[in-house]
Amino acid sequence: MQKPENPAIFRVDNAIACIDFDQVNIGPITPVKDQEFEHTEKIFDNEHFMVWRKKNDTMFTVGFKDEPSILACTEGKGAMNYDDNKYAICKGEVMLLLLVLGSLTFNQKKKLSCFK
C-alpha cells in the first residue's frame, strides 16, 4: 500500500476548539473502591461507558458477557487463554476484547495494573 503524498495533519487545536467544556462538569476524578471486585477501583461510570483500574497479583476476570471491552495495561504483564490460544499483554499495550469472547480469566506473571 502506498502512502498518500500529503498525509492528513491532525489538528489538535481545532479538535479542542470544538469541545463545549460547559456542557458537563469537568475536573479531577476520585477513584472509588469497588465493593463487588477485589483490588478494583471504579474511575468512571456513566450511561456510555465505565472505566475500572485493577491492581492485582492473582488471577482475575476480564471482559463481560455480550459487551465489548478494552484492556489497557499500565504495569506488569499477563495473558488470557481463549480457544486454546494464549493472548499476552504487557505494559503500554491495549487490547480490544470482542463481545463474543465473554469473560476470560487473566493470569499475570507479576503484579499488574490495568484499566478495563
PDB file of N, CA and C in Angstrom:
ATOM      1  N   MET A   1       0.839  -1.171   0.000  1.00  0.00           N
ATOM      2  CA  MET A   1       0.000   0.000   0.000  1.00  0.00           C
ATOM      3  C   MET A   1       0.886   1.238   0.000  1.00  0.00           C
ATOM      4  N   GLN A   2       0.590   2.174  -0.881  1.00  0.00           N
ATOM      5  CA  GLN A   2       1.362   3.406  -0.953  1.00  0.00           C
ATOM      6  C   GLN A   2       0.864   4.418   0.067  1.00  0.00           C
ATOM      7  N   LYS A   3       1.801   5.204   0.586  1.00  0.00           N
ATOM      8  CA  LYS A   3       1.429   6.278   1.493  1.00  0.00           C
ATOM      9  C   LYS A   3       0.931   7.457   0.664  1.00  0.00           C
ATOM     10  N   PRO A   4      -0.046   8.192   1.176  1.00  0.00           N
ATOM     11  CA  PRO A   4      -0.514   9.366   0.426  1.00  0.00           C
ATOM     12  C   PRO A   4       0.595  10.420   0.348  1.00  0.00           C
ATOM     13  N   GLU A   5       0.573  11.199  -0.721  1.00  0.00           N
ATOM     14  CA  GLU A   5       1.592  12.238  -0.894  1.00  0.00           C
ATOM     15  C   GLU A   5       1.479  13.309   0.188  1.00  0.00           C
ATOM     16  N   ASN A   6       0.256  13.663   0.530  1.00  0.00           N
ATOM     17  CA  ASN A   6       0.017  14.688   1.551  1.00  0.00           C
ATOM     18  C   ASN A   6      -0.774  14.065   2.699  1.00  0.00           C
ATOM     19  N   PRO A   7      -0.088  13.464   3.661  1.00  0.00           N
ATOM     20  CA  PRO A   7      -0.819  12.829   4.753  1.00  0.00           C
ATOM     21  C   PRO A   7      -1.627  13.861   5.542  1.00  0.00           C
ATOM     22  N   ALA A   8      -2.749  13.414   6.073  1.00  0.00           N
ATOM     23  CA  ALA A   8      -3.607  14.307   6.864  1.00  0.00           C
ATOM     24  C   ALA A   8      -2.862  14.767   8.108  1.00  0.00           C
ATOM     25  N   ILE A   9      -3.024  16.014   8.427  1.00  0.00           N
ATOM     26  CA  ILE A   9      -2.389  16.579   9.617  1.00  0.00           C
ATOM     27  C   ILE A   9      -3.440  16.589  10.723  1.00  0.00           C
ATOM     28  N   PHE A  10      -3.086  16.026  11.872  1.00  0.00           N
ATOM     29  CA  PHE A  10      -4.003  16.009  12.999  1.00  0.00           C
ATOM     30  C   PHE A  10      -3.947  17.377  13.672  1.00  0.00           C
ATOM     31  N   ARG A  11      -5.029  18.074  13.657  1.00  0.00           N
ATOM     32  CA  ARG A  11      -5.090  19.434  14.183  1.00  0.00           C
ATOM     33  C   ARG A  11      -5.733  19.427  15.570  1.00  0.00           C
ATOM     34  N   VAL A  12      -4.902  19.263  16.587  1.00  0.00           N
ATOM     35  CA  VAL A  12      -5.371  19.174  17.967  1.00  0.00           C
ATOM     36  C   VAL A  12      -6.106  20.443  18.377  1.00  0.00           C
ATOM     37  N   ASP A  13      -5.564  21.603  18.016  1.00  0.00           N
ATOM     38  CA  ASP A  13      -6.194  22.873  18.393  1.00  0.00           C
ATOM     39  C   ASP A  13      -7.619  22.972  17.847  1.00  0.00           C
ATOM     40  N   ASN A  14      -7.820  22.547  16.600  1.00  0.00           N
ATOM     41  CA  ASN A  14      -9.158  22.590  16.006  1.00  0.00           C
ATOM     42  C   ASN A  14     -10.105  21.630  16.715  1.00  0.00           C
ATOM     43  N   ALA A  15      -9.600  20.451  17.066  1.00  0.00           N
ATOM     44  CA  ALA A  15     -10.441  19.457  17.750  1.00  0.00           C
ATOM     45  C   ALA A  15     -10.853  19.961  19.129  1.00  0.00           C
ATOM     46  N   ILE A  16      -9.919  20.519  19.883  1.00  0.00           N
ATOM     47  CA  ILE A  16     -10.229  21.024  21.224  1.00  0.00           C
ATOM     48  C   ILE A  16     -11.179  22.216  21.142  1.00  0.00           C
ATOM     49  N   ALA A  17     -11.050  23.035  20.119  1.00  0.00           N
ATOM     50  CA  ALA A  17     -11.938  24.189  19.957  1.00  0.00           C
ATOM     51  C   ALA A  17     -13.393  23.767  19.756  1.00  0.00           C
ATOM     52  N   CYS A  18     -13.632  22.551  19.300  1.00  0.00           N
ATOM     53  CA  CYS A  18     -14.993  22.053  19.072  1.00  0.00           C
ATOM     54  C   CYS A  18     -15.652  21.531  20.348  1.00  0.00           C
ATOM     55  N   ILE A  19     -14.907  21.376  21.423  1.00  0.00           N
ATOM     56  CA  ILE A  19     -15.447  20.817  22.658  1.00  0.00           C
ATOM     57  C   ILE A  19     -16.156  21.903  23.456  1.00  0.00           C
ATOM     58  N   ASP A  20     -17.370  21.614  23.889  1.00  0.00           N
ATOM     59  CA  ASP A  20     -18.121  22.533  24.752  1.00  0.00           C
ATOM     60  C   ASP A  20     -17.864  22.121  26.197  1.00  0.00           C
ATOM     61  N   PHE A  21     -16.871  22.744  26.843  1.00  0.00           N
ATOM     62  CA  PHE A  21     -16.493  22.379  28.202  1.00  0.00           C
ATOM     63  C   PHE A  21     -17.562  22.751  29.224  1.00  0.00           C
ATOM     64  N   ASP A  22     -18.502  23.630  28.861  1.00  0.00           N
ATOM     65  CA  ASP A  22     -19.582  23.997  29.768  1.00  0.00           C
ATOM     66  C   ASP A  22     -20.714  22.974  29.758  1.00  0.00           C
ATOM     67  N   GLN A  23     -20.658  22.007  28.842  1.00  0.00           N
ATOM     68  CA  GLN A  23     -21.723  21.017  28.706  1.00  0.00           C
ATOM     69  C   GLN A  23     -21.801  20.101  29.924  1.00  0.00           C
ATOM     70  N   VAL A  24     -20.655  19.766  30.512  1.00  0.00           N
ATOM     71  CA  VAL A  24     -20.617  18.889  31.683  1.00  0.00           C
ATOM     72  C   VAL A  24     -19.565  19.403  32.664  1.00  0.00           C
ATOM     73  N   ASN A  25     -19.638  18.901  33.889  1.00  0.00           N
ATOM     74  CA  ASN A  25     -18.658  19.260  34.906  1.00  0.00           C
ATOM     75  C   ASN A  25     -17.377  18.467  34.640  1.00  0.00           C
ATOM     76  N   ILE A  26     -16.301  19.153  34.321  1.00  0.00           N
ATOM     77  CA  ILE A  26     -15.033  18.506  34.009  1.00  0.00           C
ATOM     78  C   ILE A  26     -14.043  18.819  35.123  1.00  0.00           C
ATOM     79  N   GLY A  27     -13.373  17.805  35.616  1.00  0.00           N
ATOM     80  CA  GLY A  27     -12.399  18.009  36.674  1.00  0.00           C
ATOM     81  C   GLY A  27     -11.786  16.696  37.102  1.00  0.00           C
ATOM     82  N   PRO A  28     -10.930  16.744  38.110  1.00  0.00           N
ATOM     83  CA  PRO A  28     -10.293  15.519  38.589  1.00  0.00           C
ATOM     84  C   PRO A  28     -11.339  14.529  39.133  1.00  0.00           C
ATOM     85  N   ILE A  29     -11.038  13.254  38.989  1.00  0.00           N
ATOM     86  CA  ILE A  29     -11.934  12.197  39.466  1.00  0.00           C
ATOM     87  C   ILE A  29     -11.256  11.471  40.617  1.00  0.00           C
ATOM     88  N   THR A  30     -12.016  11.228  41.673  1.00  0.00           N
ATOM     89  CA  THR A  30     -11.503  10.463  42.806  1.00  0.00           C
ATOM     90  C   THR A  30     -11.942   9.012  42.638  1.00  0.00           C
ATOM     91  N   PRO A  31     -11.005   8.078  42.506  1.00  0.00           N
ATOM     92  CA  PRO A  31     -11.382   6.666  42.360  1.00  0.00           C
ATOM     93  C   PRO A  31     -12.155   6.166  43.582  1.00  0.00           C
ATOM     94  N   VAL A  32     -13.098   5.262  43.337  1.00  0.00           N
ATOM     95  CA  VAL A  32     -13.921   4.674  44.395  1.00  0.00           C
ATOM     96  C   VAL A  32     -13.654   3.182  44.433  1.00  0.00           C
ATOM     97  N   LYS A  33     -13.317   2.646  45.610  1.00  0.00           N
ATOM     98  CA  LYS A  33     -13.091   1.201  45.733  1.00  0.00           C
ATOM     99  C   LYS A  33     -14.382   0.468  45.400  1.00  0.00           C
ATOM    100  N   ASP A  34     -14.284  -0.489  44.507  1.00  0.00           N
ATOM    101  CA  ASP A  34     -15.444  -1.263  44.095  1.00  0.00           C
ATOM    102  C   ASP A  34     -15.757  -2.309  45.161  1.00  0.00           C
ATOM    103  N   GLN A  35     -17.018  -2.406  45.556  1.00  0.00           N
ATOM    104  CA  GLN A  35     -17.427  -3.345  46.594  1.00  0.00           C
ATOM    105  C   GLN A  35     -17.548  -4.770  46.066  1.00  0.00           C
ATOM    106  N   GLU A  36     -17.799  -4.909  44.765  1.00  0.00           N
ATOM    107  CA  GLU A  36     -18.016  -6.235  44.173  1.00  0.00           C
ATOM    108  C   GLU A  36     -16.716  -6.938  43.792  1.00  0.00           C
ATOM    109  N   PHE A  37     -15.723  -6.178  43.300  1.00  0.00           N
ATOM    110  CA  PHE A  37     -14.487  -6.772  42.804  1.00  0.00           C
ATOM    111  C   PHE A  37     -13.305  -6.353  43.666  1.00  0.00           C
ATOM    112  N   GLU A  38     -12.538  -7.332  44.152  1.00  0.00           N
ATOM    113  CA  GLU A  38     -11.386  -7.072  44.998  1.00  0.00           C
ATOM    114  C   GLU A  38     -10.264  -6.406  44.196  1.00  0.00           C
ATOM    115  N   HIS A  39      -9.505  -5.526  44.832  1.00  0.00           N
ATOM    116  CA  HIS A  39      -8.366  -4.817  44.224  1.00  0.00           C
ATOM    117  C   HIS A  39      -8.782  -3.978  43.019  1.00  0.00           C
ATOM    118  N   THR A  40     -10.010  -3.457  43.042  1.00  0.00           N
ATOM    119  CA  THR A  40     -10.543  -2.732  41.893  1.00  0.00           C
ATOM    120  C   THR A  40     -11.069  -1.368  42.325  1.00  0.00           C
ATOM    121  N   GLU A  41     -10.749  -0.346  41.531  1.00  0.00           N
ATOM    122  CA  GLU A  41     -11.279   0.995  41.759  1.00  0.00           C
ATOM    123  C   GLU A  41     -12.116   1.400  40.552  1.00  0.00           C
ATOM    124  N   LYS A  42     -13.272   1.971  40.817  1.00  0.00           N
ATOM    125  CA  LYS A  42     -14.107   2.494  39.744  1.00  0.00           C
ATOM    126  C   LYS A  42     -13.654   3.933  39.495  1.00  0.00           C
ATOM    127  N   ILE A  43     -13.179   4.194  38.285  1.00  0.00           N
ATOM    128  CA  ILE A  43     -12.682   5.510  37.919  1.00  0.00           C
ATOM    129  C   ILE A  43     -13.797   6.365  37.333  1.00  0.00           C
ATOM    130  N   PHE A  44     -14.619   5.746  36.482  1.00  0.00           N
ATOM    131  CA  PHE A  44     -15.642   6.486  35.745  1.00  0.00           C
ATOM    132  C   PHE A  44     -16.790   5.547  35.432  1.00  0.00           C
ATOM    133  N   ASP A  45     -18.014   6.043  35.540  1.00  0.00           N
ATOM    134  CA  ASP A  45     -19.185   5.208  35.246  1.00  0.00           C
ATOM    135  C   ASP A  45     -20.338   6.115  34.826  1.00  0.00           C
ATOM    136  N   ASN A  46     -20.764   5.999  33.565  1.00  0.00           N
ATOM    137  CA  ASN A  46     -21.956   6.715  33.114  1.00  0.00           C
ATOM    138  C   ASN A  46     -22.718   5.848  32.122  1.00  0.00           C
ATOM    139  N   GLU A  47     -23.738   6.402  31.498  1.00  0.00           N
ATOM    140  CA  GLU A  47     -24.566   5.592  30.598  1.00  0.00           C
ATOM    141  C   GLU A  47     -23.841   5.145  29.338  1.00  0.00           C
ATOM    142  N   HIS A  48     -22.691   5.738  29.012  1.00  0.00           N
ATOM    143  CA  HIS A  48     -21.972   5.395  27.793  1.00  0.00           C
ATOM    144  C   HIS A  48     -20.857   4.376  28.007  1.00  0.00           C
ATOM    145  N   PHE A  49     -20.109   4.507  29.098  1.00  0.00           N
ATOM    146  CA  PHE A  49     -19.026   3.560  29.361  1.00  0.00           C
ATOM    147  C   PHE A  49     -18.572   3.628  30.815  1.00  0.00           C
ATOM    148  N   MET A  50     -17.800   2.613  31.218  1.00  0.00           N
ATOM    149  CA  MET A  50     -17.249   2.518  32.563  1.00  0.00           C
ATOM    150  C   MET A  50     -15.747   2.295  32.455  1.00  0.00           C
ATOM    151  N   VAL A  51     -15.003   2.803  33.432  1.00  0.00           N
ATOM    152  CA  VAL A  51     -13.558   2.569  33.494  1.00  0.00           C
ATOM    153  C   VAL A  51     -13.215   2.122  34.911  1.00  0.00           C
ATOM    154  N   TRP A  52     -12.546   0.956  35.003  1.00  0.00           N
ATOM    155  CA  TRP A  52     -12.064   0.439  36.272  1.00  0.00           C
ATOM    156  C   TRP A  52     -10.554   0.303  36.211  1.00  0.00           C
ATOM    157  N   ARG A  53      -9.909   0.507  37.368  1.00  0.00           N
ATOM    158  CA  ARG A  53      -8.479   0.235  37.475  1.00  0.00           C
ATOM    159  C   ARG A  53      -8.337  -0.993  38.365  1.00  0.00           C
ATOM    160  N   LYS A  54      -7.602  -1.955  37.868  1.00  0.00           N
ATOM    161  CA  LYS A  54      -7.384  -3.218  38.576  1.00  0.00           C
ATOM    162  C   LYS A  54      -5.901  -3.326  38.887  1.00  0.00           C
ATOM    163  N   LYS A  55      -5.559  -3.497  40.175  1.00  0.00           N
ATOM    164  CA  LYS A  55      -4.170  -3.728  40.600  1.00  0.00           C
ATOM    165  C   LYS A  55      -4.181  -5.045  41.348  1.00  0.00           C
ATOM    166  N   ASN A  56      -3.478  -6.030  40.815  1.00  0.00           N
ATOM    167  CA  ASN A  56      -3.610  -7.360  41.378  1.00  0.00           C
ATOM    168  C   ASN A  56      -2.364  -8.191  41.105  1.00  0.00           C
ATOM    169  N   ASP A  57      -2.178  -9.220  41.909  1.00  0.00           N
ATOM    170  CA  ASP A  57      -1.093 -10.165  41.654  1.00  0.00           C
ATOM    171  C   ASP A  57      -1.606 -11.601  41.648  1.00  0.00           C
ATOM    172  N   THR A  58      -2.911 -11.757  41.451  1.00  0.00           N
ATOM    173  CA  THR A  58      -3.513 -13.079  41.304  1.00  0.00           C
ATOM    174  C   THR A  58      -4.413 -13.057  40.068  1.00  0.00           C
ATOM    175  N   MET A  59      -4.962 -14.208  39.718  1.00  0.00           N
ATOM    176  CA  MET A  59      -5.846 -14.292  38.553  1.00  0.00           C
ATOM    177  C   MET A  59      -7.098 -13.440  38.788  1.00  0.00           C
ATOM    178  N   PHE A  60      -7.633 -12.875  37.700  1.00  0.00           N
ATOM    179  CA  PHE A  60      -8.901 -12.159  37.787  1.00  0.00           C
ATOM    180  C   PHE A  60      -9.618 -12.244  36.444  1.00  0.00           C
ATOM    181  N   THR A  61     -10.868 -11.845  36.427  1.00  0.00           N
ATOM    182  CA  THR A  61     -11.702 -11.936  35.233  1.00  0.00           C
ATOM    183  C   THR A  61     -11.686 -10.621  34.463  1.00  0.00           C
ATOM    184  N   VAL A  62     -11.568 -10.713  33.148  1.00  0.00           N
ATOM    185  CA  VAL A  62     -11.675  -9.546  32.267  1.00  0.00           C
ATOM    186  C   VAL A  62     -12.772  -9.817  31.253  1.00  0.00           C
ATOM    187  N   GLY A  63     -13.368  -8.758  30.737  1.00  0.00           N
ATOM    188  CA  GLY A  63     -14.424  -8.904  29.744  1.00  0.00           C
ATOM    189  C   GLY A  63     -15.777  -9.147  30.386  1.00  0.00           C
ATOM    190  N   PHE A  64     -16.817  -8.940  29.593  1.00  0.00           N
ATOM    191  CA  PHE A  64     -18.185  -9.103  30.053  1.00  0.00           C
ATOM    192  C   PHE A  64     -18.978  -9.860  28.997  1.00  0.00           C
ATOM    193  N   LYS A  65     -19.960 -10.608  29.439  1.00  0.00           N
ATOM    194  CA  LYS A  65     -20.826 -11.333  28.511  1.00  0.00           C
ATOM    195  C   LYS A  65     -21.616 -10.329  27.666  1.00  0.00           C
ATOM    196  N   ASP A  66     -21.571 -10.504  26.363  1.00  0.00           N
ATOM    197  CA  ASP A  66     -22.319  -9.689  25.403  1.00  0.00           C
ATOM    198  C   ASP A  66     -21.947  -8.202  25.407  1.00  0.00           C
ATOM    199  N   GLU A  67     -20.730  -7.867  25.858  1.00  0.00           N
ATOM    200  CA  GLU A  67     -20.257  -6.482  25.815  1.00  0.00           C
ATOM    201  C   GLU A  67     -18.799  -6.459  25.368  1.00  0.00           C
ATOM    202  N   PRO A  68     -18.458  -5.581  24.429  1.00  0.00           N
ATOM    203  CA  PRO A  68     -17.042  -5.438  24.085  1.00  0.00           C
ATOM    204  C   PRO A  68     -16.321  -4.725  25.227  1.00  0.00           C
ATOM    205  N   SER A  69     -15.040  -4.993  25.391  1.00  0.00           N
ATOM    206  CA  SER A  69     -14.241  -4.364  26.442  1.00  0.00           C
ATOM    207  C   SER A  69     -12.878  -3.989  25.885  1.00  0.00           C
ATOM    208  N   ILE A  70     -12.253  -3.029  26.534  1.00  0.00           N
ATOM    209  CA  ILE A  70     -10.889  -2.647  26.205  1.00  0.00           C
ATOM    210  C   ILE A  70     -10.052  -2.827  27.457  1.00  0.00           C
ATOM    211  N   LEU A  71      -8.906  -3.464  27.304  1.00  0.00           N
ATOM    212  CA  LEU A  71      -7.985  -3.694  28.409  1.00  0.00           C
ATOM    213  C   LEU A  71      -6.699  -2.929  28.103  1.00  0.00           C
ATOM    214  N   ALA A  72      -6.294  -2.025  28.994  1.00  0.00           N
ATOM    215  CA  ALA A  72      -5.059  -1.245  28.827  1.00  0.00           C
ATOM    216  C   ALA A  72      -4.143  -1.566  29.989  1.00  0.00           C
ATOM    217  N   CYS A  73      -2.975  -2.092  29.708  1.00  0.00           N
ATOM    218  CA  CYS A  73      -2.022  -2.497  30.740  1.00  0.00           C
ATOM    219  C   CYS A  73      -1.063  -1.346  31.038  1.00  0.00           C
ATOM    220  N   THR A  74      -0.991  -0.936  32.309  1.00  0.00           N
ATOM    221  CA  THR A  74      -0.127   0.177  32.692  1.00  0.00           C
ATOM    222  C   THR A  74       1.076  -0.267  33.513  1.00  0.00           C
ATOM    223  N   GLU A  75       1.078  -1.538  33.951  1.00  0.00           N
ATOM    224  CA  GLU A  75       2.195  -2.062  34.738  1.00  0.00           C
ATOM    225  C   GLU A  75       2.123  -3.583  34.699  1.00  0.00           C
ATOM    226  N   GLY A  76       3.270  -4.244  34.591  1.00  0.00           N
ATOM    227  CA  GLY A  76       3.313  -5.707  34.604  1.00  0.00           C
ATOM    228  C   GLY A  76       2.975  -6.318  33.257  1.00  0.00           C
ATOM    229  N   LYS A  77       2.639  -7.620  33.286  1.00  0.00           N
ATOM    230  CA  LYS A  77       2.246  -8.320  32.065  1.00  0.00           C
ATOM    231  C   LYS A  77       1.490  -9.586  32.440  1.00  0.00           C
ATOM    232  N   GLY A  78       0.760 -10.115  31.483  1.00  0.00           N
ATOM    233  CA  GLY A  78      -0.012 -11.323  31.719  1.00  0.00           C
ATOM    234  C   GLY A  78      -0.625 -11.824  30.430  1.00  0.00           C
ATOM    235  N   ALA A  79      -1.539 -12.786  30.553  1.00  0.00           N
ATOM    236  CA  ALA A  79      -2.134 -13.380  29.358  1.00  0.00           C
ATOM    237  C   ALA A  79      -3.495 -13.974  29.664  1.00  0.00           C
ATOM    238  N   MET A  80      -4.290 -14.151  28.608  1.00  0.00           N
ATOM    239  CA  MET A  80      -5.585 -14.815  28.667  1.00  0.00           C
ATOM    240  C   MET A  80      -5.557 -15.971  27.692  1.00  0.00           C
ATOM    241  N   ASN A  81      -6.317 -17.000  27.968  1.00  0.00           N
ATOM    242  CA  ASN A  81      -6.464 -18.121  27.042  1.00  0.00           C
ATOM    243  C   ASN A  81      -7.873 -18.124  26.485  1.00  0.00           C
ATOM    244  N   TYR A  82      -7.973 -18.326  25.179  1.00  0.00           N
ATOM    245  CA  TYR A  82      -9.270 -18.459  24.523  1.00  0.00           C
ATOM    246  C   TYR A  82      -9.133 -19.420  23.362  1.00  0.00           C
ATOM    247  N   ASP A  83      -9.978 -20.420  23.325  1.00  0.00           N
ATOM    248  CA  ASP A  83      -9.999 -21.386  22.218  1.00  0.00           C
ATOM    249  C   ASP A  83      -8.603 -21.972  21.976  1.00  0.00           C
ATOM    250  N   ASP A  84      -7.942 -22.378  23.056  1.00  0.00           N
ATOM    251  CA  ASP A  84      -6.603 -22.984  23.025  1.00  0.00           C
ATOM    252  C   ASP A  84      -5.511 -22.057  22.497  1.00  0.00           C
ATOM    253  N   ASN A  85      -5.746 -20.755  22.514  1.00  0.00           N
ATOM    254  CA  ASN A  85      -4.732 -19.779  22.116  1.00  0.00           C
ATOM    255  C   ASN A  85      -4.459 -18.848  23.288  1.00  0.00           C
ATOM    256  N   LYS A  86      -3.191 -18.462  23.430  1.00  0.00           N
ATOM    257  CA  LYS A  86      -2.771 -17.572  24.500  1.00  0.00           C
ATOM    258  C   LYS A  86      -2.629 -16.159  23.940  1.00  0.00           C
ATOM    259  N   TYR A  87      -3.240 -15.175  24.618  1.00  0.00           N
ATOM    260  CA  TYR A  87      -3.175 -13.785  24.196  1.00  0.00           C
ATOM    261  C   TYR A  87      -2.509 -12.978  25.303  1.00  0.00           C
ATOM    262  N   ALA A  88      -1.290 -12.510  25.040  1.00  0.00           N
ATOM    263  CA  ALA A  88      -0.491 -11.804  26.040  1.00  0.00           C
ATOM    264  C   ALA A  88      -0.647 -10.292  25.895  1.00  0.00           C
ATOM    265  N   ILE A  89      -0.476  -9.603  27.022  1.00  0.00           N
ATOM    266  CA  ILE A  89      -0.482  -8.151  27.040  1.00  0.00           C
ATOM    267  C   ILE A  89       0.541  -7.709  28.083  1.00  0.00           C
ATOM    268  N   CYS A  90       1.255  -6.614  27.796  1.00  0.00           N
ATOM    269  CA  CYS A  90       2.235  -6.106  28.761  1.00  0.00           C
ATOM    270  C   CYS A  90       2.133  -4.581  28.825  1.00  0.00           C
ATOM    271  N   LYS A  91       2.920  -4.000  29.708  1.00  0.00           N
ATOM    272  CA  LYS A  91       2.881  -2.558  29.958  1.00  0.00           C
ATOM    273  C   LYS A  91       2.906  -1.761  28.655  1.00  0.00           C
ATOM    274  N   GLY A  92       1.954  -0.823  28.539  1.00  0.00           N
ATOM    275  CA  GLY A  92       1.889   0.043  27.372  1.00  0.00           C
ATOM    276  C   GLY A  92       1.016  -0.480  26.247  1.00  0.00           C
ATOM    277  N   GLU A  93       0.502  -1.684  26.376  1.00  0.00           N
ATOM    278  CA  GLU A  93      -0.322  -2.260  25.313  1.00  0.00           C
ATOM    279  C   GLU A  93      -1.807  -2.163  25.650  1.00  0.00           C
ATOM    280  N   VAL A  94      -2.614  -2.130  24.595  1.00  0.00           N
ATOM    281  CA  VAL A  94      -4.063  -2.059  24.716  1.00  0.00           C
ATOM    282  C   VAL A  94      -4.651  -3.186  23.880  1.00  0.00           C
ATOM    283  N   MET A  95      -5.694  -3.840  24.402  1.00  0.00           N
ATOM    284  CA  MET A  95      -6.302  -4.956  23.697  1.00  0.00           C
ATOM    285  C   MET A  95      -7.821  -4.794  23.680  1.00  0.00           C
ATOM    286  N   LEU A  96      -8.429  -4.991  22.511  1.00  0.00           N
ATOM    287  CA  LEU A  96      -9.880  -4.997  22.381  1.00  0.00           C
ATOM    288  C   LEU A  96     -10.373  -6.421  22.612  1.00  0.00           C
ATOM    289  N   LEU A  97     -11.293  -6.576  23.558  1.00  0.00           N
ATOM    290  CA  LEU A  97     -11.888  -7.881  23.833  1.00  0.00           C
ATOM    291  C   LEU A  97     -13.287  -7.882  23.218  1.00  0.00           C
ATOM    292  N   LEU A  98     -13.478  -8.669  22.198  1.00  0.00           N
ATOM    293  CA  LEU A  98     -14.746  -8.701  21.484  1.00  0.00           C
ATOM    294  C   LEU A  98     -15.857  -9.256  22.364  1.00  0.00           C
ATOM    295  N   LEU A  99     -17.092  -8.827  22.131  1.00  0.00           N
ATOM    296  CA  LEU A  99     -18.202  -9.256  22.960  1.00  0.00           C
ATOM    297  C   LEU A  99     -18.445 -10.753  22.879  1.00  0.00           C
ATOM    298  N   VAL A 100     -18.088 -11.397  21.792  1.00  0.00           N
ATOM    299  CA  VAL A 100     -18.300 -12.844  21.672  1.00  0.00           C
ATOM    300  C   VAL A 100     -17.382 -13.635  22.594  1.00  0.00           C
ATOM    301  N   LEU A 101     -16.321 -13.006  23.099  1.00  0.00           N
ATOM    302  CA  LEU A 101     -15.400 -13.698  23.993  1.00  0.00           C
ATOM    303  C   LEU A 101     -15.983 -13.871  25.383  1.00  0.00           C
ATOM    304  N   GLY A 102     -16.843 -12.949  25.808  1.00  0.00           N
ATOM    305  CA  GLY A 102     -17.398 -13.015  27.155  1.00  0.00           C
ATOM    306  C   GLY A 102     -16.327 -12.761  28.194  1.00  0.00           C
ATOM    307  N   SER A 103     -16.455 -13.408  29.350  1.00  0.00           N
ATOM    308  CA  SER A 103     -15.486 -13.245  30.432  1.00  0.00           C
ATOM    309  C   SER A 103     -14.333 -14.218  30.258  1.00  0.00           C
ATOM    310  N   LEU A 104     -13.111 -13.729  30.471  1.00  0.00           N
ATOM    311  CA  LEU A 104     -11.909 -14.551  30.374  1.00  0.00           C
ATOM    312  C   LEU A 104     -11.115 -14.434  31.667  1.00  0.00           C
ATOM    313  N   THR A 105     -10.379 -15.477  32.013  1.00  0.00           N
ATOM    314  CA  THR A 105      -9.503 -15.426  33.174  1.00  0.00           C
ATOM    315  C   THR A 105      -8.158 -14.878  32.744  1.00  0.00           C
ATOM    316  N   PHE A 106      -7.697 -13.866  33.464  1.00  0.00           N
ATOM    317  CA  PHE A 106      -6.426 -13.218  33.154  1.00  0.00           C
ATOM    318  C   PHE A 106      -5.394 -13.679  34.169  1.00  0.00           C
ATOM    319  N   ASN A 107      -4.273 -14.208  33.692  1.00  0.00           N
ATOM    320  CA  ASN A 107      -3.179 -14.671  34.545  1.00  0.00           C
ATOM    321  C   ASN A 107      -1.991 -13.753  34.342  1.00  0.00           C
ATOM    322  N   GLN A 108      -1.477 -13.190  35.412  1.00  0.00           N
ATOM    323  CA  GLN A 108      -0.326 -12.315  35.275  1.00  0.00           C
ATOM    324  C   GLN A 108       0.930 -12.967  35.835  1.00  0.00           C
ATOM    325  N   LYS A 109       2.063 -12.505  35.320  1.00  0.00           N
ATOM    326  CA  LYS A 109       3.355 -13.065  35.731  1.00  0.00           C
ATOM    327  C   LYS A 109       3.907 -12.336  36.949  1.00  0.00           C
ATOM    328  N   LYS A 110       3.497 -11.094  37.159  1.00  0.00           N
ATOM    329  CA  LYS A 110       3.873 -10.334  38.350  1.00  0.00           C
ATOM    330  C   LYS A 110       2.772  -9.310  38.580  1.00  0.00           C
ATOM    331  N   LYS A 111       2.925  -8.480  39.585  1.00  0.00           N
ATOM    332  CA  LYS A 111       1.876  -7.509  39.885  1.00  0.00           C
ATOM    333  C   LYS A 111       1.508  -6.722  38.642  1.00  0.00           C
ATOM    334  N   LEU A 112       0.212  -6.580  38.424  1.00  0.00           N
ATOM    335  CA  LEU A 112      -0.301  -5.962  37.212  1.00  0.00           C
ATOM    336  C   LEU A 112      -1.203  -4.798  37.581  1.00  0.00           C
ATOM    337  N   SER A 113      -1.146  -3.753  36.791  1.00  0.00           N
ATOM    338  CA  SER A 113      -2.079  -2.644  36.911  1.00  0.00           C
ATOM    339  C   SER A 113      -2.654  -2.403  35.519  1.00  0.00           C
ATOM    340  N   CYS A 114      -3.965  -2.391  35.428  1.00  0.00           N
ATOM    341  CA  CYS A 114      -4.578  -2.189  34.112  1.00  0.00           C
ATOM    342  C   CYS A 114      -5.893  -1.448  34.262  1.00  0.00           C
ATOM    343  N   PHE A 115      -6.346  -0.889  33.151  1.00  0.00           N
ATOM    344  CA  PHE A 115      -7.659  -0.262  33.071  1.00  0.00           C
ATOM    345  C   PHE A 115      -8.518  -1.160  32.210  1.00  0.00           C
ATOM    346  N   LYS A 116      -9.754  -1.349  32.638  1.00  0.00           N
ATOM    347  CA  LYS A 116     -10.665  -2.136  31.816  1.00  0.00           C
ATOM    348  C   LYS A 116     -12.011  -1.462  31.805  1.00  0.00           C
TER     349      LYS A 116
END
